[in-house]
């Protein structure tokens, strides 16, 4: 099977929504993710985690906020990119708020 890095993108409004969500709303949101994970089975290698805002380091050594909208990640496996894209269509992240997206990168093994 091929490995993939999955990035979850969300606008600032989604983070604001999470900050003001009730415990019941947070629990319902997490249940949807856990149900999806169970449905995917061994395709989920590493469920991942939410991410804090990214920093970008330039060639000259300067650094600062990147402006990236990536808010989390997972590591998954599938027979093909097309198969994984089909699996991700039902991901609860895509039904959270307007402006969310999922980005998928195929992992290419390093040569020894």
N, C-alpha and C. Protein backbone atom coordinates (compact mmCIF):
# COMPACT_ATOMS: atom_id res chain seq x y z
N UNK A 1 0.84 -1.19 0.00
CA UNK A 1 0.00 0.00 0.00
C UNK A 1 0.88 1.25 0.00
N UNK A 2 0.36 2.31 -0.57
CA UNK A 2 1.06 3.60 -0.58
C UNK A 2 0.69 4.38 0.67
N UNK A 3 1.62 5.23 1.12
CA UNK A 3 1.37 6.08 2.29
C UNK A 3 1.10 7.51 1.84
N UNK A 4 0.28 8.20 2.62
CA UNK A 4 -0.12 9.56 2.31
C UNK A 4 -0.13 10.42 3.57
N UNK A 5 0.26 11.68 3.39
CA UNK A 5 0.14 12.68 4.46
C UNK A 5 -1.10 13.50 4.13
N UNK A 6 -2.00 13.60 5.08
CA UNK A 6 -3.26 14.31 4.89
C UNK A 6 -3.20 15.58 5.75
N UNK A 7 -3.40 16.74 5.12
CA UNK A 7 -3.44 18.01 5.84
C UNK A 7 -4.88 18.51 5.87
N UNK A 8 -5.31 18.94 7.03
CA UNK A 8 -6.65 19.50 7.19
C UNK A 8 -6.50 21.02 7.23
N UNK A 9 -7.19 21.71 6.32
CA UNK A 9 -7.16 23.17 6.26
C UNK A 9 -8.47 23.71 6.81
N UNK A 10 -8.37 24.82 7.54
CA UNK A 10 -9.57 25.48 8.06
C UNK A 10 -9.30 26.97 8.19
N UNK A 11 -10.32 27.80 7.95
CA UNK A 11 -10.16 29.24 8.12
C UNK A 11 -10.17 29.62 9.59
N UNK A 12 -9.77 30.84 9.88
CA UNK A 12 -9.74 31.33 11.27
C UNK A 12 -11.11 31.21 11.93
N UNK A 13 -12.18 31.36 11.15
CA UNK A 13 -13.53 31.26 11.72
C UNK A 13 -13.80 29.88 12.33
N UNK A 14 -13.17 28.85 11.78
CA UNK A 14 -13.35 27.50 12.33
C UNK A 14 -12.69 27.40 13.70
N UNK A 15 -11.52 28.02 13.85
CA UNK A 15 -10.84 28.00 15.14
C UNK A 15 -11.65 28.77 16.18
N UNK A 16 -12.26 29.88 15.75
CA UNK A 16 -13.12 30.66 16.65
C UNK A 16 -14.33 29.83 17.08
N UNK A 17 -14.89 29.08 16.14
CA UNK A 17 -16.04 28.22 16.44
C UNK A 17 -15.66 27.18 17.50
N UNK A 18 -14.47 26.58 17.36
CA UNK A 18 -14.02 25.58 18.33
C UNK A 18 -13.81 26.21 19.71
N UNK A 19 -13.28 27.42 19.73
CA UNK A 19 -13.00 28.09 21.01
C UNK A 19 -14.27 28.39 21.80
N UNK A 20 -15.39 28.57 21.09
CA UNK A 20 -16.64 28.91 21.77
C UNK A 20 -17.62 27.74 21.83
N UNK A 21 -17.22 26.57 21.35
CA UNK A 21 -18.12 25.41 21.34
C UNK A 21 -18.37 24.91 22.75
N UNK A 22 -19.57 24.40 22.96
CA UNK A 22 -19.91 23.78 24.24
C UNK A 22 -19.24 22.42 24.33
N UNK A 23 -19.20 21.87 25.52
CA UNK A 23 -18.62 20.53 25.70
C UNK A 23 -19.38 19.50 24.86
N UNK A 24 -20.69 19.65 24.76
CA UNK A 24 -21.50 18.73 23.98
C UNK A 24 -21.18 18.84 22.49
N UNK A 25 -20.98 20.07 22.00
CA UNK A 25 -20.63 20.27 20.59
C UNK A 25 -19.25 19.69 20.29
N UNK A 26 -18.30 19.88 21.20
CA UNK A 26 -16.96 19.32 21.00
C UNK A 26 -17.01 17.80 21.00
N UNK A 27 -17.80 17.23 21.90
CA UNK A 27 -17.93 15.77 21.98
C UNK A 27 -18.56 15.21 20.71
N UNK A 28 -19.58 15.88 20.19
CA UNK A 28 -20.24 15.43 18.96
C UNK A 28 -19.28 15.52 17.78
N UNK A 29 -18.49 16.58 17.73
CA UNK A 29 -17.51 16.72 16.66
C UNK A 29 -16.46 15.63 16.71
N UNK A 30 -15.97 15.32 17.90
CA UNK A 30 -14.96 14.28 18.05
C UNK A 30 -15.54 12.90 17.75
N UNK A 31 -16.80 12.69 18.10
CA UNK A 31 -17.44 11.40 17.80
C UNK A 31 -17.48 11.17 16.29
N UNK A 32 -17.79 12.21 15.53
CA UNK A 32 -17.83 12.07 14.07
C UNK A 32 -16.46 11.66 13.54
N UNK A 33 -15.39 12.27 14.07
CA UNK A 33 -14.03 11.91 13.64
C UNK A 33 -13.71 10.46 14.03
N UNK A 34 -14.05 10.06 15.25
CA UNK A 34 -13.74 8.71 15.71
C UNK A 34 -14.54 7.66 14.93
N UNK A 35 -15.80 7.97 14.60
CA UNK A 35 -16.60 7.06 13.78
C UNK A 35 -15.97 6.90 12.40
N UNK A 36 -15.50 8.01 11.82
CA UNK A 36 -14.86 7.94 10.50
C UNK A 36 -13.58 7.13 10.59
N UNK A 37 -12.79 7.34 11.64
CA UNK A 37 -11.54 6.58 11.83
C UNK A 37 -11.84 5.08 11.90
N UNK A 38 -12.86 4.71 12.67
CA UNK A 38 -13.22 3.29 12.80
C UNK A 38 -13.63 2.72 11.44
N UNK A 39 -14.35 3.50 10.65
CA UNK A 39 -14.77 3.07 9.31
C UNK A 39 -13.57 2.83 8.39
N UNK A 40 -12.52 3.63 8.55
CA UNK A 40 -11.32 3.52 7.70
C UNK A 40 -10.42 2.36 8.13
N UNK A 41 -10.52 1.91 9.36
CA UNK A 41 -9.74 0.76 9.83
C UNK A 41 -8.25 0.97 9.69
N UNK A 42 -7.55 -0.03 9.09
CA UNK A 42 -6.09 0.02 9.02
C UNK A 42 -5.57 0.99 7.96
N UNK A 43 -6.46 1.69 7.28
CA UNK A 43 -6.00 2.74 6.36
C UNK A 43 -5.43 3.93 7.14
N UNK A 44 -5.83 4.06 8.41
CA UNK A 44 -5.30 5.13 9.25
C UNK A 44 -4.06 4.60 9.96
N UNK A 45 -2.90 5.08 9.54
CA UNK A 45 -1.63 4.67 10.15
C UNK A 45 -1.39 5.46 11.43
N UNK A 46 -1.60 6.77 11.35
CA UNK A 46 -1.45 7.68 12.49
C UNK A 46 -2.59 8.67 12.39
N UNK A 47 -3.50 8.65 13.37
CA UNK A 47 -4.67 9.53 13.34
C UNK A 47 -4.26 10.99 13.31
N UNK A 48 -3.06 11.29 13.83
CA UNK A 48 -2.55 12.65 13.79
C UNK A 48 -3.00 13.48 14.96
N UNK A 49 -3.05 14.80 14.74
CA UNK A 49 -3.37 15.72 15.82
C UNK A 49 -3.65 17.10 15.24
N UNK A 50 -4.31 17.95 16.02
CA UNK A 50 -4.43 19.35 15.63
C UNK A 50 -3.05 20.00 15.67
N UNK A 51 -2.89 21.06 14.90
CA UNK A 51 -1.62 21.78 14.84
C UNK A 51 -1.81 23.25 15.19
N UNK A 52 -0.85 23.81 15.85
CA UNK A 52 -0.82 25.25 16.14
C UNK A 52 -0.39 25.97 14.87
N UNK A 53 -0.55 27.30 14.79
CA UNK A 53 -0.14 28.04 13.59
C UNK A 53 1.32 27.78 13.22
N UNK A 54 1.56 27.68 11.92
CA UNK A 54 2.89 27.34 11.41
C UNK A 54 3.83 28.55 11.38
N UNK A 55 5.10 28.25 11.46
CA UNK A 55 6.16 29.24 11.28
C UNK A 55 6.94 28.84 10.04
N UNK A 56 7.44 29.81 9.33
CA UNK A 56 8.19 29.56 8.10
C UNK A 56 9.60 30.10 8.27
N UNK A 57 10.59 29.29 7.93
CA UNK A 57 12.00 29.68 8.01
C UNK A 57 12.53 29.79 6.59
N UNK A 58 13.07 30.94 6.25
CA UNK A 58 13.55 31.21 4.91
C UNK A 58 15.02 30.82 4.77
N UNK A 59 15.52 30.79 3.53
CA UNK A 59 16.91 30.43 3.26
C UNK A 59 17.89 31.35 3.98
N UNK A 60 17.51 32.61 4.12
CA UNK A 60 18.42 33.56 4.77
C UNK A 60 18.38 33.47 6.29
N UNK A 61 17.57 32.54 6.81
CA UNK A 61 17.48 32.34 8.25
C UNK A 61 16.37 33.14 8.92
N UNK A 62 15.74 34.05 8.18
CA UNK A 62 14.64 34.81 8.77
C UNK A 62 13.45 33.87 8.98
N UNK A 63 12.63 34.21 9.95
CA UNK A 63 11.49 33.36 10.28
C UNK A 63 10.31 34.21 10.71
N UNK A 64 9.13 33.65 10.56
CA UNK A 64 7.92 34.33 10.98
C UNK A 64 6.72 33.43 10.76
N UNK A 65 5.55 33.97 11.06
CA UNK A 65 4.31 33.22 10.84
C UNK A 65 4.17 32.90 9.35
N UNK A 66 3.71 31.71 9.01
CA UNK A 66 3.62 31.32 7.61
C UNK A 66 2.32 31.73 6.95
N UNK A 67 1.27 31.86 7.71
CA UNK A 67 -0.03 32.15 7.11
C UNK A 67 -0.73 30.90 6.59
N UNK A 68 -0.15 29.73 6.82
CA UNK A 68 -0.76 28.48 6.37
C UNK A 68 -2.08 28.24 7.10
N UNK A 69 -3.02 27.64 6.39
CA UNK A 69 -4.31 27.31 7.00
C UNK A 69 -4.37 25.86 7.47
N UNK A 70 -3.22 25.17 7.51
CA UNK A 70 -3.20 23.77 7.97
C UNK A 70 -3.44 23.76 9.48
N UNK A 71 -4.45 23.01 9.89
CA UNK A 71 -4.82 22.95 11.31
C UNK A 71 -4.68 21.55 11.90
N UNK A 72 -4.27 20.58 11.09
CA UNK A 72 -4.10 19.23 11.59
C UNK A 72 -3.59 18.32 10.49
N UNK A 73 -3.28 17.07 10.87
CA UNK A 73 -2.75 16.11 9.92
C UNK A 73 -3.13 14.69 10.32
N UNK A 74 -3.05 13.80 9.36
CA UNK A 74 -3.14 12.35 9.58
C UNK A 74 -2.17 11.69 8.61
N UNK A 75 -1.78 10.46 8.91
CA UNK A 75 -1.00 9.65 7.98
C UNK A 75 -1.85 8.44 7.66
N UNK A 76 -2.06 8.23 6.36
CA UNK A 76 -2.96 7.16 5.93
C UNK A 76 -2.30 6.30 4.86
N UNK A 77 -2.93 5.18 4.56
CA UNK A 77 -2.46 4.33 3.48
C UNK A 77 -3.65 3.88 2.64
N UNK A 78 -3.36 3.67 1.37
CA UNK A 78 -4.38 3.20 0.42
C UNK A 78 -3.64 2.63 -0.78
N UNK A 79 -4.37 1.94 -1.62
CA UNK A 79 -3.76 1.37 -2.82
C UNK A 79 -3.39 2.44 -3.84
N UNK A 80 -4.12 3.57 -3.81
CA UNK A 80 -3.86 4.63 -4.78
C UNK A 80 -4.37 5.97 -4.24
N UNK A 81 -3.93 7.04 -4.87
CA UNK A 81 -4.43 8.37 -4.54
C UNK A 81 -5.93 8.44 -4.80
N UNK A 82 -6.38 7.87 -5.89
CA UNK A 82 -7.81 7.90 -6.22
C UNK A 82 -8.64 7.21 -5.14
N UNK A 83 -8.17 6.08 -4.65
CA UNK A 83 -8.88 5.36 -3.60
C UNK A 83 -8.98 6.21 -2.35
N UNK A 84 -7.87 6.83 -1.96
CA UNK A 84 -7.88 7.65 -0.76
C UNK A 84 -8.77 8.88 -0.92
N UNK A 85 -8.75 9.49 -2.09
CA UNK A 85 -9.62 10.65 -2.32
C UNK A 85 -11.09 10.25 -2.15
N UNK A 86 -11.46 9.08 -2.60
CA UNK A 86 -12.84 8.60 -2.41
C UNK A 86 -13.14 8.43 -0.92
N UNK A 87 -12.20 7.84 -0.18
CA UNK A 87 -12.38 7.65 1.26
C UNK A 87 -12.53 8.99 1.98
N UNK A 88 -11.78 9.99 1.56
CA UNK A 88 -11.79 11.29 2.23
C UNK A 88 -13.04 12.11 1.95
N UNK A 89 -13.77 11.78 0.91
CA UNK A 89 -14.99 12.53 0.60
C UNK A 89 -15.99 12.49 1.74
N UNK A 90 -15.95 11.43 2.54
CA UNK A 90 -16.90 11.30 3.67
C UNK A 90 -16.30 11.79 4.99
N UNK A 91 -15.12 12.41 4.95
CA UNK A 91 -14.47 12.86 6.18
C UNK A 91 -15.27 13.98 6.84
N UNK A 92 -15.49 13.90 8.16
CA UNK A 92 -16.28 14.93 8.84
C UNK A 92 -15.67 16.33 8.78
N UNK A 93 -14.36 16.42 8.56
CA UNK A 93 -13.74 17.74 8.46
C UNK A 93 -14.39 18.56 7.34
N UNK A 94 -14.78 17.91 6.24
CA UNK A 94 -15.34 18.61 5.10
C UNK A 94 -16.75 19.14 5.34
N UNK A 95 -17.35 18.73 6.45
CA UNK A 95 -18.73 19.14 6.76
C UNK A 95 -18.79 20.03 8.00
N UNK A 96 -17.65 20.58 8.38
CA UNK A 96 -17.54 21.32 9.63
C UNK A 96 -18.02 22.76 9.48
N UNK A 97 -17.33 23.56 8.70
CA UNK A 97 -17.68 24.96 8.44
C UNK A 97 -17.31 25.30 7.00
N UNK A 98 -17.83 26.39 6.49
CA UNK A 98 -17.46 26.84 5.15
C UNK A 98 -15.96 27.15 5.11
N UNK A 99 -15.35 26.83 4.00
CA UNK A 99 -13.95 27.18 3.79
C UNK A 99 -12.94 26.12 4.17
N UNK A 100 -13.39 24.96 4.67
CA UNK A 100 -12.45 23.90 5.02
C UNK A 100 -12.06 23.11 3.77
N UNK A 101 -10.94 22.42 3.85
CA UNK A 101 -10.46 21.58 2.75
C UNK A 101 -9.52 20.53 3.29
N UNK A 102 -9.27 19.52 2.49
CA UNK A 102 -8.29 18.48 2.82
C UNK A 102 -7.29 18.43 1.67
N UNK A 103 -6.02 18.37 2.02
CA UNK A 103 -4.94 18.30 1.05
C UNK A 103 -4.19 17.00 1.29
N UNK A 104 -3.88 16.27 0.21
CA UNK A 104 -3.23 14.96 0.33
C UNK A 104 -1.92 14.94 -0.45
N UNK A 105 -0.87 14.44 0.21
CA UNK A 105 0.44 14.28 -0.40
C UNK A 105 0.81 12.81 -0.37
N UNK A 106 1.24 12.27 -1.49
CA UNK A 106 1.73 10.89 -1.48
C UNK A 106 3.14 10.87 -0.92
N UNK A 107 3.39 9.96 -0.02
CA UNK A 107 4.70 9.79 0.61
C UNK A 107 5.57 8.97 -0.33
N UNK A 108 6.72 9.48 -0.69
CA UNK A 108 7.64 8.76 -1.56
C UNK A 108 8.81 8.28 -0.70
N UNK A 109 9.00 6.97 -0.58
CA UNK A 109 10.08 6.47 0.28
C UNK A 109 11.44 6.97 -0.17
N UNK A 110 12.30 7.27 0.81
CA UNK A 110 13.67 7.70 0.53
C UNK A 110 14.47 6.50 0.09
N UNK A 111 15.42 6.73 -0.81
CA UNK A 111 16.31 5.67 -1.24
C UNK A 111 17.37 5.45 -0.16
N UNK A 112 17.78 4.23 0.04
CA UNK A 112 18.81 3.94 1.05
C UNK A 112 20.18 4.11 0.47
